[in-house]
Amino acid sequence: MALKKGENLLEANETVLHQYYVTQGCLRTYFIDQSGKEHTLQFAINDWWISDYTAFFSKSQAIMNIECIQDASLYKISKKGMEELFLKIPQLETFFRKKMERAFASFQKRILSGLSQSAKERYLSFIKTYPNIEQSVKNYHIASYLGITTESLSRIRRDNAKK
């Protein structure tokens, strides 16, 4: 399936029936808090998976939104479709389990970095994780992902460029 920049793949309160594999482009998963502030949880670039996994696995309504921020090509698969593939090709179950293990470890590291690292350290980790994304993503998306203001992001970049 193809998505254009600015299109939403998923909106909060929708039923989540699929997870998506990104073959091209960039998407972001974000949450909107009670005050209306956006919190970017994840970016998905080539060869990454994206969904509202809490809703997907628990068969509940989405709490996340997924926005296409760079024209994208995706494949989608339902939970039933995955289960059928796992029965036909047992090695796929091992492959996906390992992918999920790495994703879980990555999310745990992200939580810990948010609790223990400075904004600069989080930024340096971000550019290591997403080395070519800055040209494609708006500053406020990156700032939202890092949990800082766009002004703080600009200051960090400026200080980093001086070195």
N, C-alpha and C. Protein backbone atom coordinates (compact mmCIF):
# COMPACT_ATOMS: atom_id res chain seq x y z
N MET A 1 0.84 -1.17 0.00
CA MET A 1 0.00 0.00 0.00
C MET A 1 0.89 1.24 0.00
N ALA A 2 0.37 2.32 -0.52
CA ALA A 2 1.12 3.57 -0.60
C ALA A 2 0.43 4.64 0.25
N LEU A 3 1.24 5.46 0.91
CA LEU A 3 0.73 6.58 1.71
C LEU A 3 1.47 7.83 1.28
N LYS A 4 0.76 8.93 1.26
CA LYS A 4 1.36 10.22 0.94
C LYS A 4 1.69 10.97 2.23
N LYS A 5 2.69 11.82 2.15
CA LYS A 5 3.07 12.66 3.28
C LYS A 5 1.84 13.40 3.79
N GLY A 6 1.65 13.36 5.11
CA GLY A 6 0.51 14.03 5.73
C GLY A 6 -0.69 13.14 5.97
N GLU A 7 -0.74 11.99 5.31
CA GLU A 7 -1.86 11.06 5.52
C GLU A 7 -1.68 10.31 6.84
N ASN A 8 -2.80 9.97 7.45
CA ASN A 8 -2.77 9.18 8.68
C ASN A 8 -3.03 7.72 8.35
N LEU A 9 -2.19 6.87 8.89
CA LEU A 9 -2.37 5.43 8.75
C LEU A 9 -3.31 4.92 9.82
N LEU A 10 -3.26 5.57 11.00
CA LEU A 10 -4.07 5.16 12.13
C LEU A 10 -4.36 6.37 13.00
N GLU A 11 -5.56 6.40 13.57
CA GLU A 11 -5.91 7.47 14.51
C GLU A 11 -6.40 6.84 15.81
N ALA A 12 -6.16 7.57 16.89
CA ALA A 12 -6.60 7.09 18.21
C ALA A 12 -8.08 6.73 18.17
N ASN A 13 -8.43 5.71 18.90
CA ASN A 13 -9.79 5.17 19.04
C ASN A 13 -10.23 4.28 17.89
N GLU A 14 -9.40 4.12 16.87
CA GLU A 14 -9.74 3.19 15.79
C GLU A 14 -9.38 1.76 16.23
N THR A 15 -10.00 0.80 15.60
CA THR A 15 -9.66 -0.60 15.82
C THR A 15 -8.38 -0.89 15.05
N VAL A 16 -7.44 -1.57 15.69
CA VAL A 16 -6.15 -1.86 15.07
C VAL A 16 -6.16 -3.30 14.59
N LEU A 17 -6.21 -3.46 13.29
CA LEU A 17 -6.29 -4.79 12.71
C LEU A 17 -4.99 -5.27 12.08
N HIS A 18 -4.02 -4.36 11.90
CA HIS A 18 -2.80 -4.72 11.19
C HIS A 18 -1.56 -4.12 11.85
N GLN A 19 -0.45 -4.73 11.51
CA GLN A 19 0.84 -4.08 11.73
C GLN A 19 1.43 -3.91 10.33
N TYR A 20 2.36 -2.98 10.21
CA TYR A 20 2.83 -2.55 8.90
C TYR A 20 4.34 -2.61 8.80
N TYR A 21 4.81 -3.05 7.64
CA TYR A 21 6.23 -3.12 7.35
C TYR A 21 6.54 -2.01 6.35
N VAL A 22 7.49 -1.16 6.68
CA VAL A 22 7.85 -0.02 5.83
C VAL A 22 8.94 -0.43 4.86
N THR A 23 8.67 -0.33 3.57
CA THR A 23 9.68 -0.62 2.56
C THR A 23 10.33 0.65 2.04
N GLN A 24 9.62 1.77 2.22
CA GLN A 24 10.15 3.06 1.76
C GLN A 24 9.40 4.15 2.50
N GLY A 25 10.10 5.24 2.84
CA GLY A 25 9.46 6.38 3.46
C GLY A 25 9.69 6.46 4.95
N CYS A 26 8.87 7.26 5.60
CA CYS A 26 9.01 7.48 7.04
C CYS A 26 7.64 7.79 7.65
N LEU A 27 7.36 7.13 8.76
CA LEU A 27 6.13 7.37 9.51
C LEU A 27 6.50 7.62 10.97
N ARG A 28 5.57 8.16 11.71
CA ARG A 28 5.79 8.34 13.14
C ARG A 28 4.55 7.91 13.90
N THR A 29 4.77 7.32 15.06
CA THR A 29 3.71 6.98 16.00
C THR A 29 3.73 8.04 17.08
N TYR A 30 2.57 8.62 17.38
CA TYR A 30 2.53 9.63 18.43
C TYR A 30 1.25 9.53 19.23
N PHE A 31 1.34 10.06 20.44
CA PHE A 31 0.25 10.07 21.39
C PHE A 31 -0.08 11.53 21.70
N ILE A 32 -1.35 11.84 21.85
CA ILE A 32 -1.77 13.19 22.23
C ILE A 32 -2.29 13.14 23.66
N ASP A 33 -1.63 13.91 24.55
CA ASP A 33 -2.04 13.88 25.95
C ASP A 33 -3.29 14.73 26.18
N GLN A 34 -3.76 14.78 27.42
CA GLN A 34 -5.01 15.47 27.75
C GLN A 34 -4.95 16.97 27.48
N SER A 35 -3.74 17.55 27.49
CA SER A 35 -3.62 18.98 27.22
C SER A 35 -3.47 19.27 25.72
N GLY A 36 -3.44 18.20 24.90
CA GLY A 36 -3.33 18.37 23.45
C GLY A 36 -1.91 18.34 22.93
N LYS A 37 -0.94 18.06 23.79
CA LYS A 37 0.46 18.01 23.39
C LYS A 37 0.77 16.65 22.76
N GLU A 38 1.52 16.69 21.65
CA GLU A 38 1.92 15.47 20.96
C GLU A 38 3.22 14.94 21.55
N HIS A 39 3.28 13.61 21.68
CA HIS A 39 4.48 12.92 22.15
C HIS A 39 4.82 11.85 21.13
N THR A 40 5.90 12.05 20.38
CA THR A 40 6.31 11.08 19.38
C THR A 40 6.99 9.91 20.06
N LEU A 41 6.48 8.72 19.80
CA LEU A 41 7.00 7.51 20.42
C LEU A 41 8.00 6.80 19.53
N GLN A 42 7.74 6.79 18.23
CA GLN A 42 8.56 6.01 17.32
C GLN A 42 8.55 6.63 15.95
N PHE A 43 9.66 6.50 15.25
CA PHE A 43 9.72 6.74 13.82
C PHE A 43 9.92 5.37 13.17
N ALA A 44 9.35 5.18 12.01
CA ALA A 44 9.55 3.94 11.27
C ALA A 44 10.07 4.30 9.89
N ILE A 45 11.24 3.79 9.57
CA ILE A 45 11.87 4.02 8.28
C ILE A 45 12.01 2.67 7.59
N ASN A 46 12.69 2.65 6.45
CA ASN A 46 12.84 1.42 5.66
C ASN A 46 13.26 0.23 6.52
N ASP A 47 12.55 -0.87 6.34
CA ASP A 47 12.82 -2.14 7.02
C ASP A 47 12.42 -2.12 8.49
N TRP A 48 11.48 -1.24 8.87
CA TRP A 48 10.97 -1.19 10.24
C TRP A 48 9.49 -1.55 10.22
N TRP A 49 9.01 -2.01 11.36
CA TRP A 49 7.60 -2.32 11.55
C TRP A 49 6.97 -1.22 12.39
N ILE A 50 5.67 -0.99 12.18
CA ILE A 50 4.97 0.04 12.95
C ILE A 50 3.51 -0.35 13.13
N SER A 51 2.98 -0.03 14.29
CA SER A 51 1.56 -0.21 14.62
C SER A 51 1.34 0.36 16.01
N ASP A 52 0.13 0.33 16.46
CA ASP A 52 -0.16 0.56 17.88
C ASP A 52 -0.21 -0.85 18.46
N TYR A 53 0.93 -1.30 18.96
CA TYR A 53 1.06 -2.70 19.35
C TYR A 53 0.21 -3.07 20.56
N THR A 54 0.02 -2.15 21.46
CA THR A 54 -0.84 -2.45 22.61
C THR A 54 -2.23 -2.80 22.12
N ALA A 55 -2.77 -1.99 21.22
CA ALA A 55 -4.11 -2.24 20.68
C ALA A 55 -4.11 -3.47 19.77
N PHE A 56 -3.08 -3.63 18.96
CA PHE A 56 -3.01 -4.76 18.03
C PHE A 56 -3.04 -6.09 18.77
N PHE A 57 -2.21 -6.22 19.80
CA PHE A 57 -2.12 -7.50 20.51
C PHE A 57 -3.24 -7.72 21.51
N SER A 58 -3.81 -6.65 22.04
CA SER A 58 -4.87 -6.81 23.04
C SER A 58 -6.27 -6.66 22.46
N LYS A 59 -6.34 -6.41 21.16
CA LYS A 59 -7.63 -6.23 20.47
C LYS A 59 -8.45 -5.10 21.10
N SER A 60 -7.76 -4.02 21.45
CA SER A 60 -8.43 -2.85 22.01
C SER A 60 -8.32 -1.67 21.03
N GLN A 61 -8.91 -0.56 21.38
CA GLN A 61 -8.89 0.63 20.53
C GLN A 61 -7.50 1.28 20.59
N ALA A 62 -7.12 1.89 19.49
CA ALA A 62 -5.82 2.56 19.41
C ALA A 62 -5.75 3.73 20.39
N ILE A 63 -4.60 3.89 20.99
CA ILE A 63 -4.31 5.08 21.79
C ILE A 63 -3.29 5.95 21.05
N MET A 64 -2.69 5.39 20.02
CA MET A 64 -1.68 6.08 19.24
C MET A 64 -2.27 6.54 17.90
N ASN A 65 -1.55 7.46 17.30
CA ASN A 65 -1.81 7.91 15.94
C ASN A 65 -0.57 7.58 15.13
N ILE A 66 -0.76 7.24 13.86
CA ILE A 66 0.39 7.03 12.99
C ILE A 66 0.23 7.93 11.77
N GLU A 67 1.23 8.77 11.58
CA GLU A 67 1.22 9.77 10.50
C GLU A 67 2.35 9.47 9.53
N CYS A 68 2.07 9.61 8.26
CA CYS A 68 3.09 9.48 7.23
C CYS A 68 3.79 10.84 7.11
N ILE A 69 5.10 10.88 7.36
CA ILE A 69 5.81 12.15 7.29
C ILE A 69 6.74 12.22 6.09
N GLN A 70 6.79 11.15 5.33
CA GLN A 70 7.50 11.11 4.05
C GLN A 70 6.80 10.04 3.23
N ASP A 71 6.44 10.33 1.97
CA ASP A 71 5.74 9.35 1.14
C ASP A 71 6.28 7.95 1.44
N ALA A 72 5.37 6.99 1.58
CA ALA A 72 5.78 5.67 2.04
C ALA A 72 5.10 4.55 1.28
N SER A 73 5.80 3.43 1.21
CA SER A 73 5.26 2.17 0.70
C SER A 73 5.30 1.18 1.85
N LEU A 74 4.18 0.49 2.06
CA LEU A 74 4.03 -0.40 3.21
C LEU A 74 3.41 -1.73 2.79
N TYR A 75 3.70 -2.74 3.58
CA TYR A 75 2.95 -3.99 3.53
C TYR A 75 2.22 -4.08 4.85
N LYS A 76 1.03 -4.66 4.83
CA LYS A 76 0.31 -4.83 6.08
C LYS A 76 -0.03 -6.30 6.28
N ILE A 77 -0.13 -6.67 7.55
CA ILE A 77 -0.50 -8.04 7.87
C ILE A 77 -1.37 -8.04 9.12
N SER A 78 -2.39 -8.85 9.09
CA SER A 78 -3.30 -8.97 10.24
C SER A 78 -2.74 -10.01 11.22
N LYS A 79 -3.31 -10.02 12.40
CA LYS A 79 -2.91 -11.02 13.41
C LYS A 79 -3.22 -12.43 12.89
N LYS A 80 -4.39 -12.58 12.29
CA LYS A 80 -4.77 -13.89 11.73
C LYS A 80 -3.81 -14.30 10.61
N GLY A 81 -3.47 -13.34 9.77
CA GLY A 81 -2.53 -13.61 8.68
C GLY A 81 -1.17 -14.05 9.19
N MET A 82 -0.74 -13.40 10.27
CA MET A 82 0.54 -13.80 10.88
C MET A 82 0.47 -15.21 11.43
N GLU A 83 -0.61 -15.51 12.12
CA GLU A 83 -0.76 -16.85 12.71
C GLU A 83 -0.75 -17.92 11.61
N GLU A 84 -1.41 -17.64 10.49
CA GLU A 84 -1.43 -18.59 9.38
C GLU A 84 -0.03 -18.79 8.81
N LEU A 85 0.72 -17.69 8.67
CA LEU A 85 2.10 -17.80 8.18
C LEU A 85 2.97 -18.60 9.14
N PHE A 86 2.79 -18.37 10.44
CA PHE A 86 3.57 -19.10 11.43
C PHE A 86 3.32 -20.61 11.34
N LEU A 87 2.07 -20.99 11.06
CA LEU A 87 1.76 -22.42 10.93
C LEU A 87 2.37 -23.00 9.66
N LYS A 88 2.34 -22.23 8.57
CA LYS A 88 2.88 -22.71 7.29
C LYS A 88 4.41 -22.70 7.28
N ILE A 89 5.00 -21.67 7.90
CA ILE A 89 6.45 -21.51 7.88
C ILE A 89 6.92 -21.25 9.32
N PRO A 90 7.16 -22.32 10.08
CA PRO A 90 7.51 -22.18 11.50
C PRO A 90 8.73 -21.28 11.76
N GLN A 91 9.66 -21.21 10.81
CA GLN A 91 10.85 -20.37 10.99
C GLN A 91 10.48 -18.89 11.09
N LEU A 92 9.35 -18.52 10.50
CA LEU A 92 8.90 -17.12 10.58
C LEU A 92 8.55 -16.74 12.01
N GLU A 93 8.00 -17.67 12.76
CA GLU A 93 7.67 -17.38 14.15
C GLU A 93 8.93 -17.03 14.94
N THR A 94 10.00 -17.78 14.71
CA THR A 94 11.27 -17.48 15.36
C THR A 94 11.81 -16.13 14.90
N PHE A 95 11.72 -15.85 13.59
CA PHE A 95 12.18 -14.57 13.04
C PHE A 95 11.44 -13.41 13.69
N PHE A 96 10.12 -13.49 13.76
CA PHE A 96 9.32 -12.40 14.36
C PHE A 96 9.55 -12.29 15.86
N ARG A 97 9.72 -13.40 16.53
CA ARG A 97 10.01 -13.36 17.97
C ARG A 97 11.30 -12.60 18.21
N LYS A 98 12.32 -12.88 17.41
CA LYS A 98 13.61 -12.19 17.57
C LYS A 98 13.47 -10.70 17.26
N LYS A 99 12.68 -10.37 16.25
CA LYS A 99 12.42 -8.95 15.93
C LYS A 99 11.73 -8.27 17.11
N MET A 100 10.73 -8.93 17.69
CA MET A 100 10.00 -8.35 18.82
C MET A 100 10.90 -8.23 20.06
N GLU A 101 11.78 -9.18 20.26
CA GLU A 101 12.71 -9.09 21.38
C GLU A 101 13.60 -7.86 21.24
N ARG A 102 14.13 -7.65 20.03
CA ARG A 102 14.98 -6.47 19.79
C ARG A 102 14.18 -5.18 19.95
N ALA A 103 12.94 -5.19 19.48
CA ALA A 103 12.10 -4.00 19.60
C ALA A 103 11.80 -3.72 21.07
N PHE A 104 11.50 -4.75 21.84
CA PHE A 104 11.22 -4.56 23.26
C PHE A 104 12.45 -4.00 23.97
N ALA A 105 13.61 -4.55 23.68
CA ALA A 105 14.85 -4.06 24.28
C ALA A 105 15.10 -2.60 23.89
N SER A 106 14.80 -2.26 22.65
CA SER A 106 14.98 -0.90 22.17
C SER A 106 14.06 0.07 22.91
N PHE A 107 12.80 -0.31 23.08
CA PHE A 107 11.86 0.54 23.81
C PHE A 107 12.29 0.69 25.27
N GLN A 108 12.80 -0.38 25.86
CA GLN A 108 13.26 -0.30 27.25
C GLN A 108 14.45 0.66 27.36
N LYS A 109 15.38 0.59 26.42
CA LYS A 109 16.52 1.51 26.41
C LYS A 109 16.04 2.95 26.24
N ARG A 110 15.03 3.14 25.40
CA ARG A 110 14.49 4.48 25.18
C ARG A 110 13.87 5.04 26.46
N ILE A 111 13.15 4.22 27.18
CA ILE A 111 12.56 4.65 28.46
C ILE A 111 13.66 5.02 29.44
N LEU A 112 14.67 4.16 29.55
CA LEU A 112 15.76 4.44 30.47
C LEU A 112 16.53 5.69 30.08
N SER A 113 16.73 5.91 28.80
CA SER A 113 17.45 7.12 28.38
C SER A 113 16.64 8.36 28.73
N GLY A 114 15.33 8.29 28.59
CA GLY A 114 14.48 9.41 28.96
C GLY A 114 14.53 9.72 30.44
N LEU A 115 14.76 8.70 31.24
CA LEU A 115 14.82 8.88 32.69
C LEU A 115 16.21 9.29 33.18
N SER A 116 17.26 8.91 32.44
CA SER A 116 18.60 9.08 33.00
C SER A 116 19.56 9.92 32.18
N GLN A 117 19.26 10.18 30.91
CA GLN A 117 20.20 10.92 30.07
C GLN A 117 19.81 12.38 29.93
N SER A 118 20.81 13.19 29.65
CA SER A 118 20.56 14.60 29.36
C SER A 118 19.93 14.70 27.97
N ALA A 119 19.38 15.86 27.67
CA ALA A 119 18.77 16.08 26.35
C ALA A 119 19.81 15.89 25.25
N LYS A 120 21.02 16.36 25.48
CA LYS A 120 22.08 16.21 24.48
C LYS A 120 22.39 14.73 24.24
N GLU A 121 22.48 13.96 25.31
CA GLU A 121 22.75 12.53 25.16
C GLU A 121 21.63 11.83 24.41
N ARG A 122 20.39 12.21 24.69
CA ARG A 122 19.24 11.63 23.96
C ARG A 122 19.31 11.99 22.48
N TYR A 123 19.69 13.22 22.18
CA TYR A 123 19.82 13.66 20.78
C TYR A 123 20.90 12.85 20.06
N LEU A 124 22.06 12.69 20.70
CA LEU A 124 23.15 11.93 20.08
C LEU A 124 22.73 10.48 19.84
N SER A 125 22.00 9.92 20.76
CA SER A 125 21.48 8.56 20.58
C SER A 125 20.47 8.51 19.43
N PHE A 126 19.64 9.54 19.34
CA PHE A 126 18.65 9.63 18.25
C PHE A 126 19.34 9.64 16.89
N ILE A 127 20.36 10.48 16.72
CA ILE A 127 21.00 10.56 15.40
C ILE A 127 21.81 9.30 15.08
N LYS A 128 22.17 8.56 16.12
CA LYS A 128 22.83 7.27 15.89
C LYS A 128 21.79 6.24 15.44
N THR A 129 20.62 6.26 16.05
CA THR A 129 19.56 5.31 15.70
C THR A 129 18.95 5.63 14.34
N TYR A 130 18.74 6.92 14.06
CA TYR A 130 18.12 7.38 12.81
C TYR A 130 19.09 8.31 12.08
N PRO A 131 20.20 7.78 11.51
CA PRO A 131 21.26 8.63 10.98
C PRO A 131 20.86 9.57 9.84
N ASN A 132 19.91 9.22 9.03
CA ASN A 132 19.57 10.05 7.86
C ASN A 132 18.18 10.66 7.93
N ILE A 133 17.61 10.70 9.10
CA ILE A 133 16.21 11.10 9.21
C ILE A 133 16.02 12.61 9.36
N GLU A 134 17.03 13.31 9.85
CA GLU A 134 16.86 14.73 10.19
C GLU A 134 16.42 15.58 8.99
N GLN A 135 16.85 15.22 7.79
CA GLN A 135 16.47 15.99 6.61
C GLN A 135 15.00 15.80 6.25
N SER A 136 14.42 14.71 6.69
CA SER A 136 13.05 14.37 6.30
C SER A 136 12.01 14.69 7.36
N VAL A 137 12.45 14.96 8.58
CA VAL A 137 11.54 15.10 9.71
C VAL A 137 11.58 16.53 10.24
N LYS A 138 10.42 17.04 10.58
CA LYS A 138 10.34 18.39 11.13
C LYS A 138 10.98 18.44 12.52
N ASN A 139 11.53 19.60 12.83
CA ASN A 139 12.20 19.77 14.12
C ASN A 139 11.28 19.47 15.29
N TYR A 140 10.01 19.88 15.20
CA TYR A 140 9.13 19.64 16.34
C TYR A 140 8.82 18.16 16.53
N HIS A 141 8.92 17.34 15.45
CA HIS A 141 8.76 15.90 15.62
C HIS A 141 9.95 15.32 16.38
N ILE A 142 11.14 15.77 16.03
CA ILE A 142 12.34 15.29 16.72
C ILE A 142 12.31 15.74 18.18
N ALA A 143 11.99 17.01 18.39
CA ALA A 143 11.91 17.53 19.77
C ALA A 143 10.89 16.75 20.58
N SER A 144 9.75 16.45 19.98
CA SER A 144 8.71 15.68 20.65
C SER A 144 9.22 14.29 21.01
N TYR A 145 9.94 13.67 20.11
CA TYR A 145 10.52 12.34 20.36
C TYR A 145 11.50 12.39 21.53
N LEU A 146 12.28 13.47 21.58
CA LEU A 146 13.30 13.62 22.62
C LEU A 146 12.75 14.13 23.94
N GLY A 147 11.51 14.65 23.91
CA GLY A 147 10.91 15.19 25.12
C GLY A 147 11.45 16.56 25.49
N ILE A 148 11.81 17.35 24.46
CA ILE A 148 12.36 18.69 24.69
C ILE A 148 11.64 19.68 23.78
N THR A 149 11.92 20.96 23.97
CA THR A 149 11.35 21.99 23.11
C THR A 149 12.17 22.12 21.83
N THR A 150 11.59 22.72 20.81
CA THR A 150 12.33 22.94 19.57
C THR A 150 13.50 23.90 19.81
N GLU A 151 13.33 24.83 20.74
CA GLU A 151 14.43 25.75 21.07
C GLU A 151 15.61 24.99 21.67
N SER A 152 15.32 24.06 22.56
CA SER A 152 16.39 23.25 23.16
C SER A 152 17.08 22.41 22.09
N LEU A 153 16.31 21.86 21.17
CA LEU A 153 16.89 21.08 20.08
C LEU A 153 17.84 21.95 19.25
N SER A 154 17.41 23.16 18.92
CA SER A 154 18.27 24.07 18.14
C SER A 154 19.56 24.37 18.89
N ARG A 155 19.47 24.62 20.19
CA ARG A 155 20.66 24.91 21.00
C ARG A 155 21.60 23.71 21.01
N ILE A 156 21.06 22.52 21.20
CA ILE A 156 21.88 21.30 21.22
C ILE A 156 22.59 21.12 19.88
N ARG A 157 21.87 21.30 18.80
CA ARG A 157 22.48 21.17 17.46
C ARG A 157 23.58 22.20 17.26
N ARG A 158 23.30 23.43 17.67
CA ARG A 158 24.28 24.52 17.52
C ARG A 158 25.54 24.20 18.32
N ASP A 159 25.37 23.78 19.57
CA ASP A 159 26.52 23.43 20.41
C ASP A 159 27.28 22.23 19.85
N ASN A 160 26.55 21.29 19.31
CA ASN A 160 27.16 20.08 18.74
C ASN A 160 27.96 20.41 17.48
N ALA A 161 27.48 21.37 16.68
CA ALA A 161 28.15 21.76 15.45
C ALA A 161 29.47 22.48 15.73
N LYS A 162 29.57 23.14 16.88
CA LYS A 162 30.78 23.88 17.24
C LYS A 162 31.95 22.97 17.53
N LYS A 163 31.66 21.70 17.84
CA LYS A 163 32.73 20.76 18.23
C LYS A 163 33.37 20.11 17.04
